[in-house]
């Protein structure tokens, strides 16, 4: 597997995990159950799940009023996309 595909696969897996955790948090909020801490959601985003988490949050309208998420996640998305571009450039 070439490095670019590896990075893309990693980001896809992390995005899926972030999607699942964000969706669980939304369902837990509606059911008044124990929530996922915000620092866990942000950690998942930093570790590569920013794109999946941002898209999920917009689709299910979860934490969209929190500047911490609505500023940080797009910035992380740009960083992750830039990382893919750098890897693709140097390992073509």
C-alpha atoms as a PDB file:
ATOM      1  CA  UNK A   1       0.000   0.000   0.000  1.00  0.00           C
ATOM      2  CA  UNK A   2       1.418   3.378  -0.888  1.00  0.00           C
ATOM      3  CA  UNK A   3       1.753   5.990   1.875  1.00  0.00           C
ATOM      4  CA  UNK A   4      -1.013   8.230   0.506  1.00  0.00           C
ATOM      5  CA  UNK A   5      -3.508   5.372   0.557  1.00  0.00           C
ATOM      6  CA  UNK A   6      -2.375   4.519   4.083  1.00  0.00           C
ATOM      7  CA  UNK A   7      -2.972   8.068   5.308  1.00  0.00           C
ATOM      8  CA  UNK A   8      -6.365   8.188   3.597  1.00  0.00           C
ATOM      9  CA  UNK A   9      -7.345   4.845   5.121  1.00  0.00           C
ATOM     10  CA  UNK A  10      -6.249   6.028   8.570  1.00  0.00           C
ATOM     11  CA  UNK A  11      -8.271   9.246   8.247  1.00  0.00           C
ATOM     12  CA  UNK A  12     -11.308   7.286   7.018  1.00  0.00           C
ATOM     13  CA  UNK A  13     -11.145   4.906   9.986  1.00  0.00           C
ATOM     14  CA  UNK A  14     -10.691   7.766  12.448  1.00  0.00           C
ATOM     15  CA  UNK A  15     -13.559   9.660  10.816  1.00  0.00           C
ATOM     16  CA  UNK A  16     -15.819   6.626  11.194  1.00  0.00           C
ATOM     17  CA  UNK A  17     -14.884   6.270  14.867  1.00  0.00           C
ATOM     18  CA  UNK A  18     -15.509  10.003  15.404  1.00  0.00           C
ATOM     19  CA  UNK A  19     -18.863   9.648  13.609  1.00  0.00           C
ATOM     20  CA  UNK A  20     -19.887   6.765  15.866  1.00  0.00           C
ATOM     21  CA  UNK A  21     -18.839   8.507  19.087  1.00  0.00           C
ATOM     22  CA  UNK A  22     -20.482  11.807  18.090  1.00  0.00           C
ATOM     23  CA  UNK A  23     -23.709  10.032  17.186  1.00  0.00           C
ATOM     24  CA  UNK A  24     -23.640   8.147  20.488  1.00  0.00           C
ATOM     25  CA  UNK A  25     -23.151  11.434  22.354  1.00  0.00           C
ATOM     26  CA  UNK A  26     -26.154  12.966  20.584  1.00  0.00           C
ATOM     27  CA  UNK A  27     -28.328   9.950  21.459  1.00  0.00           C
ATOM     28  CA  UNK A  28     -27.073  10.014  25.057  1.00  0.00           C
ATOM     29  CA  UNK A  29     -27.925  13.718  25.296  1.00  0.00           C
ATOM     30  CA  UNK A  30     -31.468  13.077  24.095  1.00  0.00           C
ATOM     31  CA  UNK A  31     -31.922  10.183  26.538  1.00  0.00           C
ATOM     32  CA  UNK A  32     -30.334  12.042  29.480  1.00  0.00           C
ATOM     33  CA  UNK A  33     -27.636   9.389  29.766  1.00  0.00           C
ATOM     34  CA  UNK A  34     -23.951   9.723  30.514  1.00  0.00           C
ATOM     35  CA  UNK A  35     -22.289  11.868  27.832  1.00  0.00           C
ATOM     36  CA  UNK A  36     -18.982  11.665  26.044  1.00  0.00           C
ATOM     37  CA  UNK A  37     -16.645  14.337  27.436  1.00  0.00           C
ATOM     38  CA  UNK A  38     -15.864  17.180  25.034  1.00  0.00           C
ATOM     39  CA  UNK A  39     -12.149  16.530  25.417  1.00  0.00           C
ATOM     40  CA  UNK A  40     -12.664  13.000  24.042  1.00  0.00           C
ATOM     41  CA  UNK A  41     -14.521  14.359  21.001  1.00  0.00           C
ATOM     42  CA  UNK A  42     -11.757  16.902  20.410  1.00  0.00           C
ATOM     43  CA  UNK A  43      -9.065  14.264  20.870  1.00  0.00           C
ATOM     44  CA  UNK A  44     -10.706  12.081  18.222  1.00  0.00           C
ATOM     45  CA  UNK A  45     -10.736  15.085  15.896  1.00  0.00           C
ATOM     46  CA  UNK A  46      -7.050  15.829  16.514  1.00  0.00           C
ATOM     47  CA  UNK A  47      -6.137  12.177  15.919  1.00  0.00           C
ATOM     48  CA  UNK A  48      -7.646  12.273  12.442  1.00  0.00           C
ATOM     49  CA  UNK A  49     -11.405  12.195  12.814  1.00  0.00           C
ATOM     50  CA  UNK A  50     -12.060  15.891  12.263  1.00  0.00           C
ATOM     51  CA  UNK A  51     -13.680  15.531   8.845  1.00  0.00           C
ATOM     52  CA  UNK A  52     -16.053  12.780   9.941  1.00  0.00           C
ATOM     53  CA  UNK A  53     -16.870  14.515  13.189  1.00  0.00           C
ATOM     54  CA  UNK A  54     -17.516  17.882  11.535  1.00  0.00           C
ATOM     55  CA  UNK A  55     -19.794  16.409   8.863  1.00  0.00           C
ATOM     56  CA  UNK A  56     -21.662  14.348  11.462  1.00  0.00           C
ATOM     57  CA  UNK A  57     -22.104  17.324  13.783  1.00  0.00           C
ATOM     58  CA  UNK A  58     -23.580  19.388  10.948  1.00  0.00           C
ATOM     59  CA  UNK A  59     -25.877  16.542   9.819  1.00  0.00           C
ATOM     60  CA  UNK A  60     -27.273  15.698  13.253  1.00  0.00           C
ATOM     61  CA  UNK A  61     -27.024  19.268  14.597  1.00  0.00           C
ATOM     62  CA  UNK A  62     -24.888  18.355  17.559  1.00  0.00           C
ATOM     63  CA  UNK A  63     -22.592  20.888  19.254  1.00  0.00           C
ATOM     64  CA  UNK A  64     -23.051  23.315  16.378  1.00  0.00           C
ATOM     65  CA  UNK A  65     -23.492  26.190  18.828  1.00  0.00           C
ATOM     66  CA  UNK A  66     -20.157  25.508  20.534  1.00  0.00           C
ATOM     67  CA  UNK A  67     -17.408  27.776  19.132  1.00  0.00           C
ATOM     68  CA  UNK A  68     -14.806  25.371  20.492  1.00  0.00           C
ATOM     69  CA  UNK A  69     -16.004  22.797  17.959  1.00  0.00           C
ATOM     70  CA  UNK A  70     -17.127  25.002  15.101  1.00  0.00           C
ATOM     71  CA  UNK A  71     -13.755  26.781  14.930  1.00  0.00           C
ATOM     72  CA  UNK A  72     -11.406  23.928  15.838  1.00  0.00           C
ATOM     73  CA  UNK A  73     -12.873  21.220  13.590  1.00  0.00           C
ATOM     74  CA  UNK A  74     -12.626  23.125  10.281  1.00  0.00           C
ATOM     75  CA  UNK A  75      -9.042  24.105  11.116  1.00  0.00           C
ATOM     76  CA  UNK A  76      -8.200  20.462  11.824  1.00  0.00           C
ATOM     77  CA  UNK A  77      -9.902  19.418   8.578  1.00  0.00           C
ATOM     78  CA  UNK A  78      -7.622  21.764   6.639  1.00  0.00           C
ATOM     79  CA  UNK A  79      -4.575  20.416   8.480  1.00  0.00           C
ATOM     80  CA  UNK A  80      -5.549  16.811   7.733  1.00  0.00           C
ATOM     81  CA  UNK A  81      -6.191  17.558   4.060  1.00  0.00           C
ATOM     82  CA  UNK A  82      -2.840  19.362   3.877  1.00  0.00           C
ATOM     83  CA  UNK A  83      -1.150  16.308   5.418  1.00  0.00           C
ATOM     84  CA  UNK A  84      -2.642  14.092   2.700  1.00  0.00           C
ATOM     85  CA  UNK A  85      -1.427  16.532   0.034  1.00  0.00           C
ATOM     86  CA  UNK A  86       2.092  16.603   1.491  1.00  0.00           C
ATOM     87  CA  UNK A  87       2.284  12.810   1.630  1.00  0.00           C
ATOM     88  CA  UNK A  88       0.910  12.545  -1.906  1.00  0.00           C
ATOM     89  CA  UNK A  89       3.450  15.072  -3.158  1.00  0.00           C
ATOM     90  CA  UNK A  90       6.501  13.452  -1.568  1.00  0.00           C
ATOM     91  CA  UNK A  91       5.486   9.823  -2.250  1.00  0.00           C
ATOM     92  CA  UNK A  92       4.148   9.979  -5.788  1.00  0.00           C
END
